[in-house]
Amino acid sequence: MHNLIMYTSVAIGLLAWATILRLNWPRLASQGFAATFTFLAAIHLFRPIGLIALLPQHLDPAPFGFTQSYLLQVGWGDAASAVLAAVAIWAVLGKWRGAMAWAWAFVVVGTLDTLNAGPQFILAIKDQSLVGALGWLILTIYVPALIVTEAVLVWLLIRQSRKAEISSRQPHLA
């Protein structure tokens, strides 16, 4: 029964974030790629909260069966994703040369980190009292926000890359 409550909460979190994004999509999309990308990427600036996995007083890995090396991956993967999100945002806003490479680096690293951490944490929970209130909020509200925005960011970057490819194949008149 307890796992059903956690899984239901995560599903509702995913639905909530997808709904919030859908409600705001017309306004976001009308502002162009840079505004849409930076808005979605900004949610990932708070990922250093994943470093909490490295603090044994907040997360005892034993009941979950996690190794210290796995928790290092989770904590530092989140921190790296946050730094890459910040660089990608500045690159896209500043129209840096290589901005798309920074954007892709952020999305790939962040998505891989989410896929490594999110499902394993959620599936490893057998006793939800071990998660605590902060863990519950992270897993049911913040992780769904990451998943939804990462999916949309991948789609957005693919679409932007295709536009750039088509534009580069068109003859330019001087």
Protein backbone atom coordinates (compact mmCIF):
# COMPACT_ATOMS: atom_id res chain seq x y z
CA MET A 1 0.00 0.00 0.00
CA HIS A 2 2.80 2.44 0.88
CA ASN A 3 4.48 2.00 -2.51
CA LEU A 4 1.16 2.66 -4.23
CA ILE A 5 0.95 6.00 -2.41
CA MET A 6 4.48 6.97 -3.51
CA TYR A 7 3.91 5.88 -7.11
CA THR A 8 0.56 7.67 -7.20
CA SER A 9 2.18 10.83 -5.83
CA VAL A 10 4.90 10.70 -8.47
CA ALA A 11 2.30 10.15 -11.23
CA ILE A 12 0.26 13.10 -9.97
CA GLY A 13 3.45 15.20 -9.87
CA LEU A 14 4.16 14.30 -13.51
CA LEU A 15 0.58 15.18 -14.47
CA ALA A 16 0.75 18.45 -12.56
CA TRP A 17 3.98 19.59 -14.23
CA ALA A 18 2.78 18.50 -17.67
CA THR A 19 -0.43 20.47 -17.09
CA ILE A 20 1.42 23.58 -15.89
CA LEU A 21 3.67 23.42 -18.94
CA ARG A 22 0.71 22.89 -21.29
CA LEU A 23 -1.14 25.87 -19.79
CA ASN A 24 1.89 28.10 -20.32
CA TRP A 25 3.07 26.68 -23.64
CA PRO A 26 1.39 29.20 -25.99
CA ARG A 27 3.03 32.13 -24.18
CA LEU A 28 6.40 30.35 -23.94
CA ALA A 29 6.46 29.20 -27.55
CA SER A 30 5.53 32.65 -28.82
CA GLN A 31 8.69 34.06 -27.22
CA GLY A 32 11.02 31.91 -29.30
CA PHE A 33 13.62 29.26 -28.65
CA ALA A 34 15.91 31.19 -26.29
CA ALA A 35 13.12 32.24 -23.92
CA THR A 36 11.53 28.80 -23.90
CA PHE A 37 14.82 26.97 -23.41
CA THR A 38 16.01 29.24 -20.61
CA PHE A 39 12.68 29.06 -18.77
CA LEU A 40 12.68 25.25 -18.83
CA ALA A 41 16.38 24.96 -18.05
CA ALA A 42 16.08 27.33 -15.07
CA ILE A 43 14.16 24.68 -13.13
CA HIS A 44 17.38 22.63 -13.18
CA LEU A 45 19.39 25.34 -11.43
CA PHE A 46 18.12 23.93 -8.13
CA ARG A 47 19.57 20.46 -8.71
CA PRO A 48 22.37 20.88 -6.15
CA ILE A 49 19.73 19.74 -3.65
CA GLY A 50 20.79 16.28 -4.85
CA LEU A 51 24.02 16.76 -2.91
CA ILE A 52 21.93 15.92 0.15
CA ALA A 53 22.50 12.29 -0.87
CA LEU A 54 26.09 12.72 0.33
CA LEU A 55 25.05 13.64 3.88
CA PRO A 56 24.54 10.49 5.96
CA GLN A 57 22.53 12.37 8.57
CA HIS A 58 19.92 13.08 5.87
CA LEU A 59 20.09 9.85 3.89
CA ASP A 60 21.18 6.53 5.30
CA PRO A 61 21.97 4.45 2.20
CA ALA A 62 21.78 1.06 3.99
CA PRO A 63 17.97 0.60 4.08
CA PHE A 64 17.80 1.40 0.37
CA GLY A 65 20.70 -0.85 -0.61
CA PHE A 66 22.64 2.06 -2.11
CA THR A 67 26.42 2.11 -2.19
CA GLN A 68 28.41 5.21 -1.38
CA SER A 69 29.71 5.29 -4.97
CA TYR A 70 26.14 5.33 -6.28
CA LEU A 71 25.25 8.22 -3.96
CA LEU A 72 28.35 10.07 -5.20
CA GLN A 73 27.04 9.65 -8.77
CA VAL A 74 23.63 10.98 -7.76
CA GLY A 75 24.92 13.95 -5.76
CA TRP A 76 27.63 15.09 -8.13
CA GLY A 77 25.49 14.28 -11.20
CA ASP A 78 22.88 16.73 -9.92
CA ALA A 79 25.52 19.35 -9.14
CA ALA A 80 27.08 18.97 -12.61
CA SER A 81 23.64 19.23 -14.20
CA ALA A 82 22.95 22.49 -12.34
CA VAL A 83 26.27 24.01 -13.44
CA LEU A 84 25.71 22.91 -17.04
CA ALA A 85 22.17 24.34 -16.91
CA ALA A 86 23.57 27.71 -15.82
CA VAL A 87 26.23 27.71 -18.54
CA ALA A 88 23.70 26.62 -21.17
CA ILE A 89 21.30 29.38 -20.13
CA TRP A 90 24.03 32.04 -20.36
CA ALA A 91 25.24 30.60 -23.66
CA VAL A 92 21.78 30.58 -25.25
CA LEU A 93 20.88 34.03 -23.93
CA GLY A 94 24.25 35.45 -24.97
CA LYS A 95 24.10 33.74 -28.37
CA TRP A 96 27.54 32.30 -27.74
CA ARG A 97 29.24 30.35 -30.44
CA GLY A 98 28.66 26.76 -29.37
CA ALA A 99 25.51 27.59 -27.40
CA MET A 100 23.71 24.56 -28.81
CA ALA A 101 26.59 22.31 -27.72
CA TRP A 102 26.27 23.65 -24.17
CA ALA A 103 22.51 23.18 -24.32
CA TRP A 104 22.87 19.58 -25.48
CA ALA A 105 25.58 18.85 -22.89
CA PHE A 106 23.27 20.06 -20.12
CA VAL A 107 20.27 18.10 -21.38
CA VAL A 108 22.21 14.88 -21.95
CA VAL A 109 24.03 14.97 -18.58
CA GLY A 110 20.88 16.03 -16.72
CA THR A 111 18.68 13.39 -18.35
CA LEU A 112 21.22 10.62 -17.74
CA ASP A 113 21.48 11.71 -14.11
CA THR A 114 17.71 11.74 -13.72
CA LEU A 115 17.41 8.29 -15.30
CA ASN A 116 20.18 7.01 -13.01
CA ALA A 117 18.80 8.50 -9.80
CA GLY A 118 15.04 9.04 -9.96
CA PRO A 119 13.68 5.58 -10.78
CA GLN A 120 16.24 3.78 -8.61
CA PHE A 121 15.41 5.90 -5.60
CA ILE A 122 11.66 5.56 -6.07
CA LEU A 123 11.81 1.80 -6.66
CA ALA A 124 14.18 1.21 -3.72
CA ILE A 125 11.80 2.72 -1.19
CA LYS A 126 10.23 -0.03 0.87
CA ASP A 127 9.55 2.01 4.01
CA GLN A 128 8.48 5.55 3.19
CA SER A 129 9.09 6.72 6.74
CA LEU A 130 12.82 6.50 5.92
CA VAL A 131 12.46 9.09 3.16
CA GLY A 132 11.40 11.99 5.35
CA ALA A 133 9.42 15.04 4.33
CA LEU A 134 12.19 16.57 2.22
CA GLY A 135 12.78 13.30 0.38
CA TRP A 136 9.06 12.96 -0.26
CA LEU A 137 8.89 16.47 -1.73
CA ILE A 138 11.95 15.89 -3.90
CA LEU A 139 10.66 12.58 -5.25
CA THR A 140 7.04 13.60 -5.82
CA ILE A 141 7.35 17.23 -6.87
CA TYR A 142 10.89 18.06 -8.00
CA VAL A 143 11.84 14.84 -9.82
CA PRO A 144 8.61 14.99 -11.90
CA ALA A 145 9.48 18.61 -12.81
CA LEU A 146 12.90 17.45 -14.00
CA ILE A 147 11.43 14.60 -16.04
CA VAL A 148 8.79 16.74 -17.76
CA THR A 149 11.17 19.60 -18.56
CA GLU A 150 13.89 17.23 -19.78
CA ALA A 151 11.48 15.56 -22.18
CA VAL A 152 10.37 18.92 -23.56
CA LEU A 153 13.95 20.22 -23.72
CA VAL A 154 15.03 17.20 -25.80
CA TRP A 155 12.12 17.81 -28.18
CA LEU A 156 12.91 21.55 -28.29
CA LEU A 157 16.60 20.98 -29.05
CA ILE A 158 15.84 18.44 -31.78
CA ARG A 159 13.39 20.88 -33.36
CA GLN A 160 15.88 23.76 -33.12
CA SER A 161 18.67 21.62 -34.60
CA ARG A 162 16.45 20.67 -37.54
CA LYS A 163 15.60 24.34 -38.15
CA ALA A 164 19.28 25.25 -38.13
CA GLU A 165 20.08 22.39 -40.52
CA ILE A 166 17.36 23.45 -42.96
CA SER A 167 18.48 27.07 -42.75
CA SER A 168 22.10 26.15 -43.46
CA ARG A 169 21.09 24.25 -46.60
CA GLN A 170 19.19 27.20 -48.06
CA PRO A 171 21.15 29.37 -50.47
CA HIS A 172 22.04 32.75 -49.03
CA LEU A 173 21.66 35.73 -51.31
CA ALA A 174 24.20 38.47 -50.98
